[in-house]
Amino acid sequence: MRLDELRSPAGARHRRKRVGRGHGSGHVKTSGRGQKGQKARTGASIPAHFEGGQTRFATRMPYLGGFKNPFRKEYIVVNLSDLKVFEAGEQVNTETLAAHGLIRASHTKGMLKVLGNGKVNHALNVTAHKVSESARAAIEQAGGSVTLIAMRETVKTRRSGKEAPKY
């Protein structure tokens, strides 16, 4: 086979459609554009994102999930029933929880909250940002201690006169 013998397969190449060139062309009056409407006009090109005047999807996207509070505080929640893996007198904080596989290592910088679901039979030294009343009572009844980590507080602003949010 030589280069001058190469041919494209049958049906691969088409003749250019010449519209509006008489009755014999098969595309007379409207030239295949149908009757009236935006796409029948000269220079009609509608962008892919256009939805006929309805607010387009890309613009609606931020509304779909509802209100997102930028000041929301995410806590890593641990129940008393999860603390059975600790020995008596052991320290409980985000680092030791991650070491025992109760939380992910990437969550050690987050805020820890201990809830009172379950029982504790031995003394533990718990250090957390928040502890529920029932959890505190159960830990102290077992002979353990609860230490709260100080939360960041912003001072009242002179300009607004309102109490600043507490984190």
C-alpha atoms as a PDB file:
ATOM      1  CA  MET A   1       0.000   0.000   0.000  1.00  0.00           C
ATOM      2  CA  ARG A   2       1.219   3.477  -0.882  1.00  0.00           C
ATOM      3  CA  LEU A   3       0.236   6.929   0.383  1.00  0.00           C
ATOM      4  CA  ASP A   4      -1.566   7.800  -2.828  1.00  0.00           C
ATOM      5  CA  GLU A   5      -3.776   4.712  -2.386  1.00  0.00           C
ATOM      6  CA  LEU A   6      -5.123   5.773   1.029  1.00  0.00           C
ATOM      7  CA  ARG A   7      -8.836   6.589   1.063  1.00  0.00           C
ATOM      8  CA  SER A   8     -11.200   7.416   3.941  1.00  0.00           C
ATOM      9  CA  PRO A   9     -13.882   4.771   4.555  1.00  0.00           C
ATOM     10  CA  ALA A  10     -17.288   5.164   2.936  1.00  0.00           C
ATOM     11  CA  GLY A  11     -19.541   7.588   4.825  1.00  0.00           C
ATOM     12  CA  ALA A  12     -16.673   9.229   6.721  1.00  0.00           C
ATOM     13  CA  ARG A  13     -16.724  12.420   4.669  1.00  0.00           C
ATOM     14  CA  HIS A  14     -19.824  14.519   4.047  1.00  0.00           C
ATOM     15  CA  ARG A  15     -20.546  17.354   1.688  1.00  0.00           C
ATOM     16  CA  ARG A  16     -21.161  20.737   3.261  1.00  0.00           C
ATOM     17  CA  LYS A  17     -24.873  21.550   3.675  1.00  0.00           C
ATOM     18  CA  ARG A  18     -25.670  24.613   1.526  1.00  0.00           C
ATOM     19  CA  VAL A  19     -28.877  26.028   2.951  1.00  0.00           C
ATOM     20  CA  GLY A  20     -31.290  28.461   1.318  1.00  0.00           C
ATOM     21  CA  ARG A  21     -30.191  27.602  -2.280  1.00  0.00           C
ATOM     22  CA  GLY A  22     -33.464  26.771  -3.996  1.00  0.00           C
ATOM     23  CA  HIS A  23     -35.984  23.946  -4.009  1.00  0.00           C
ATOM     24  CA  GLY A  24     -33.568  21.330  -5.306  1.00  0.00           C
ATOM     25  CA  SER A  25     -31.384  21.647  -2.206  1.00  0.00           C
ATOM     26  CA  GLY A  26     -34.104  20.287   0.075  1.00  0.00           C
ATOM     27  CA  HIS A  27     -33.542  23.191   2.485  1.00  0.00           C
ATOM     28  CA  VAL A  28     -35.649  25.959   1.107  1.00  0.00           C
ATOM     29  CA  LYS A  29     -37.584  28.597   3.081  1.00  0.00           C
ATOM     30  CA  THR A  30     -36.443  28.163   6.707  1.00  0.00           C
ATOM     31  CA  SER A  31     -33.174  26.345   5.861  1.00  0.00           C
ATOM     32  CA  GLY A  32     -33.726  23.610   8.451  1.00  0.00           C
ATOM     33  CA  ARG A  33     -34.200  26.072  11.335  1.00  0.00           C
ATOM     34  CA  GLY A  34     -37.901  25.441  11.880  1.00  0.00           C
ATOM     35  CA  GLN A  35     -40.476  28.186  12.376  1.00  0.00           C
ATOM     36  CA  LYS A  36     -39.679  31.383  14.339  1.00  0.00           C
ATOM     37  CA  GLY A  37     -38.199  31.274  17.839  1.00  0.00           C
ATOM     38  CA  GLN A  38     -34.816  32.326  19.197  1.00  0.00           C
ATOM     39  CA  LYS A  39     -32.861  29.613  17.373  1.00  0.00           C
ATOM     40  CA  ALA A  40     -34.392  30.562  14.010  1.00  0.00           C
ATOM     41  CA  ARG A  41     -32.977  34.106  14.178  1.00  0.00           C
ATOM     42  CA  THR A  42     -29.681  35.282  12.770  1.00  0.00           C
ATOM     43  CA  GLY A  43     -26.767  35.098  15.195  1.00  0.00           C
ATOM     44  CA  ALA A  44     -28.615  32.757  17.552  1.00  0.00           C
ATOM     45  CA  SER A  45     -26.264  31.049  19.959  1.00  0.00           C
ATOM     46  CA  ILE A  46     -27.601  30.080  23.377  1.00  0.00           C
ATOM     47  CA  PRO A  47     -24.994  29.246  25.996  1.00  0.00           C
ATOM     48  CA  ALA A  48     -25.066  25.734  27.450  1.00  0.00           C
ATOM     49  CA  HIS A  49     -25.846  27.027  30.962  1.00  0.00           C
ATOM     50  CA  PHE A  50     -28.886  29.073  29.842  1.00  0.00           C
ATOM     51  CA  GLU A  51     -32.185  27.680  31.161  1.00  0.00           C
ATOM     52  CA  GLY A  52     -34.748  29.803  29.351  1.00  0.00           C
ATOM     53  CA  GLY A  53     -34.753  32.694  31.795  1.00  0.00           C
ATOM     54  CA  GLN A  54     -35.057  30.484  34.894  1.00  0.00           C
ATOM     55  CA  THR A  55     -32.309  31.125  37.443  1.00  0.00           C
ATOM     56  CA  ARG A  56     -29.575  28.866  36.216  1.00  0.00           C
ATOM     57  CA  PHE A  57     -28.336  25.885  38.171  1.00  0.00           C
ATOM     58  CA  ALA A  58     -24.862  27.271  38.859  1.00  0.00           C
ATOM     59  CA  THR A  59     -26.419  30.370  40.436  1.00  0.00           C
ATOM     60  CA  ARG A  60     -28.954  28.353  42.453  1.00  0.00           C
ATOM     61  CA  MET A  61     -26.281  26.064  43.912  1.00  0.00           C
ATOM     62  CA  PRO A  62     -25.421  28.119  47.020  1.00  0.00           C
ATOM     63  CA  TYR A  63     -29.083  28.143  48.107  1.00  0.00           C
ATOM     64  CA  LEU A  64     -29.629  24.411  47.886  1.00  0.00           C
ATOM     65  CA  GLY A  65     -28.102  23.396  51.205  1.00  0.00           C
ATOM     66  CA  GLY A  66     -29.889  26.001  53.307  1.00  0.00           C
ATOM     67  CA  PHE A  67     -28.180  28.395  55.713  1.00  0.00           C
ATOM     68  CA  LYS A  68     -24.549  27.631  56.539  1.00  0.00           C
ATOM     69  CA  ASN A  69     -23.483  29.189  59.832  1.00  0.00           C
ATOM     70  CA  PRO A  70     -19.860  30.350  59.503  1.00  0.00           C
ATOM     71  CA  PHE A  71     -19.504  30.403  63.321  1.00  0.00           C
ATOM     72  CA  ARG A  72     -20.693  26.804  63.849  1.00  0.00           C
ATOM     73  CA  LYS A  73     -18.668  24.832  66.398  1.00  0.00           C
ATOM     74  CA  GLU A  74     -18.015  21.177  65.517  1.00  0.00           C
ATOM     75  CA  TYR A  75     -17.370  18.894  68.482  1.00  0.00           C
ATOM     76  CA  ILE A  76     -15.848  15.426  68.508  1.00  0.00           C
ATOM     77  CA  VAL A  77     -18.397  13.529  70.609  1.00  0.00           C
ATOM     78  CA  VAL A  78     -17.302  10.655  72.863  1.00  0.00           C
ATOM     79  CA  ASN A  79     -19.586   8.726  75.232  1.00  0.00           C
ATOM     80  CA  LEU A  80     -18.634   7.219  78.583  1.00  0.00           C
ATOM     81  CA  SER A  81     -19.206   3.756  77.088  1.00  0.00           C
ATOM     82  CA  ASP A  82     -16.292   4.443  74.687  1.00  0.00           C
ATOM     83  CA  LEU A  83     -13.882   5.090  77.579  1.00  0.00           C
ATOM     84  CA  LYS A  84     -13.807   1.425  78.696  1.00  0.00           C
ATOM     85  CA  VAL A  85     -10.563   0.911  76.730  1.00  0.00           C
ATOM     86  CA  PHE A  86      -8.648   3.172  79.161  1.00  0.00           C
ATOM     87  CA  GLU A  87      -6.920   1.852  82.285  1.00  0.00           C
ATOM     88  CA  ALA A  88      -7.583   3.291  85.753  1.00  0.00           C
ATOM     89  CA  GLY A  89      -5.891   6.658  86.340  1.00  0.00           C
ATOM     90  CA  GLU A  90      -5.104   7.150  82.653  1.00  0.00           C
ATOM     91  CA  GLN A  91      -5.327  10.553  80.968  1.00  0.00           C
ATOM     92  CA  VAL A  92      -8.211  10.987  78.440  1.00  0.00           C
ATOM     93  CA  ASN A  93      -7.810  13.701  75.775  1.00  0.00           C
ATOM     94  CA  THR A  94      -7.905  13.923  71.981  1.00  0.00           C
ATOM     95  CA  GLU A  95      -4.361  12.539  71.584  1.00  0.00           C
ATOM     96  CA  THR A  96      -4.989   9.474  73.768  1.00  0.00           C
ATOM     97  CA  LEU A  97      -8.385   8.892  72.123  1.00  0.00           C
ATOM     98  CA  ALA A  98      -6.660   8.875  68.716  1.00  0.00           C
ATOM     99  CA  ALA A  99      -3.956   6.528  70.048  1.00  0.00           C
ATOM    100  CA  HIS A 100      -6.664   4.068  71.171  1.00  0.00           C
ATOM    101  CA  GLY A 101      -8.426   4.365  67.784  1.00  0.00           C
ATOM    102  CA  LEU A 102     -11.612   5.993  69.109  1.00  0.00           C
ATOM    103  CA  ILE A 103     -11.246   9.093  66.907  1.00  0.00           C
ATOM    104  CA  ARG A 104      -9.256   9.855  63.770  1.00  0.00           C
ATOM    105  CA  ALA A 105      -5.760  11.271  64.103  1.00  0.00           C
ATOM    106  CA  SER A 106      -6.814  14.251  61.966  1.00  0.00           C
ATOM    107  CA  HIS A 107      -9.454  15.182  64.599  1.00  0.00           C
ATOM    108  CA  THR A 108      -6.973  15.692  67.455  1.00  0.00           C
ATOM    109  CA  LYS A 109      -6.982  19.479  66.896  1.00  0.00           C
ATOM    110  CA  GLY A 110     -10.802  19.615  67.184  1.00  0.00           C
ATOM    111  CA  MET A 111     -12.939  20.340  70.248  1.00  0.00           C
ATOM    112  CA  LEU A 112     -13.837  17.342  72.410  1.00  0.00           C
ATOM    113  CA  LYS A 113     -17.194  16.833  74.137  1.00  0.00           C
ATOM    114  CA  VAL A 114     -17.851  13.958  76.549  1.00  0.00           C
ATOM    115  CA  LEU A 115     -21.441  12.746  76.934  1.00  0.00           C
ATOM    116  CA  GLY A 116     -22.877  10.571  79.695  1.00  0.00           C
ATOM    117  CA  ASN A 117     -24.140   7.575  77.693  1.00  0.00           C
ATOM    118  CA  GLY A 118     -22.738   4.491  79.436  1.00  0.00           C
ATOM    119  CA  LYS A 119     -20.888   3.839  82.713  1.00  0.00           C
ATOM    120  CA  VAL A 120     -17.341   4.283  83.993  1.00  0.00           C
ATOM    121  CA  ASN A 121     -16.084   1.790  86.612  1.00  0.00           C
ATOM    122  CA  HIS A 122     -12.578   3.173  87.178  1.00  0.00           C
ATOM    123  CA  ALA A 123     -11.012   6.585  87.789  1.00  0.00           C
ATOM    124  CA  LEU A 124     -10.047   8.565  84.691  1.00  0.00           C
ATOM    125  CA  ASN A 125      -8.524  12.017  84.232  1.00  0.00           C
ATOM    126  CA  VAL A 126     -10.636  13.578  81.465  1.00  0.00           C
ATOM    127  CA  THR A 127      -9.540  16.758  79.689  1.00  0.00           C
ATOM    128  CA  ALA A 128     -12.128  18.139  77.253  1.00  0.00           C
ATOM    129  CA  HIS A 129     -13.679  21.349  75.979  1.00  0.00           C
ATOM    130  CA  LYS A 130     -17.179  20.365  77.167  1.00  0.00           C
ATOM    131  CA  VAL A 131     -18.525  17.654  79.500  1.00  0.00           C
ATOM    132  CA  SER A 132     -22.198  16.978  80.110  1.00  0.00           C
ATOM    133  CA  GLU A 133     -23.490  17.076  83.705  1.00  0.00           C
ATOM    134  CA  SER A 134     -24.282  13.344  83.753  1.00  0.00           C
ATOM    135  CA  ALA A 135     -20.818  12.492  82.378  1.00  0.00           C
ATOM    136  CA  ARG A 136     -19.106  14.718  84.959  1.00  0.00           C
ATOM    137  CA  ALA A 137     -21.099  13.134  87.797  1.00  0.00           C
ATOM    138  CA  ALA A 138     -20.286   9.589  86.608  1.00  0.00           C
ATOM    139  CA  ILE A 139     -16.540  10.321  86.198  1.00  0.00           C
ATOM    140  CA  GLU A 140     -16.249  11.993  89.613  1.00  0.00           C
ATOM    141  CA  GLN A 141     -18.302   9.240  91.274  1.00  0.00           C
ATOM    142  CA  ALA A 142     -15.810   6.673  89.923  1.00  0.00           C
ATOM    143  CA  GLY A 143     -12.973   8.677  91.525  1.00  0.00           C
ATOM    144  CA  GLY A 144     -11.774  10.463  88.387  1.00  0.00           C
ATOM    145  CA  SER A 145     -11.350  14.133  87.562  1.00  0.00           C
ATOM    146  CA  VAL A 146     -12.649  16.449  84.857  1.00  0.00           C
ATOM    147  CA  THR A 147     -10.585  19.336  83.488  1.00  0.00           C
ATOM    148  CA  LEU A 148     -12.149  21.792  81.045  1.00  0.00           C
ATOM    149  CA  ILE A 149     -10.028  23.343  78.312  1.00  0.00           C
ATOM    150  CA  ALA A 150     -10.558  27.118  78.171  1.00  0.00           C
ATOM    151  CA  MET A 151     -12.571  28.130  75.134  1.00  0.00           C
ATOM    152  CA  ARG A 152     -11.543  31.170  73.100  1.00  0.00           C
ATOM    153  CA  GLU A 153     -13.654  34.181  74.039  1.00  0.00           C
ATOM    154  CA  THR A 154     -13.897  37.409  72.123  1.00  0.00           C
ATOM    155  CA  VAL A 155     -14.386  40.626  74.038  1.00  0.00           C
ATOM    156  CA  LYS A 156     -17.380  42.896  73.736  1.00  0.00           C
ATOM    157  CA  THR A 157     -16.829  45.379  70.947  1.00  0.00           C
ATOM    158  CA  ARG A 158     -17.183  49.076  71.705  1.00  0.00           C
ATOM    159  CA  ARG A 159     -18.479  49.811  68.251  1.00  0.00           C
ATOM    160  CA  SER A 160     -21.453  47.450  68.161  1.00  0.00           C
ATOM    161  CA  GLY A 161     -22.323  47.539  71.866  1.00  0.00           C
ATOM    162  CA  LYS A 162     -23.284  43.872  71.652  1.00  0.00           C
ATOM    163  CA  GLU A 163     -21.843  40.933  73.514  1.00  0.00           C
ATOM    164  CA  ALA A 164     -19.359  39.125  71.252  1.00  0.00           C
ATOM    165  CA  PRO A 165     -19.981  35.438  70.440  1.00  0.00           C
ATOM    166  CA  LYS A 166     -18.301  32.900  72.717  1.00  0.00           C
ATOM    167  CA  TYR A 167     -16.410  30.085  71.047  1.00  0.00           C
END
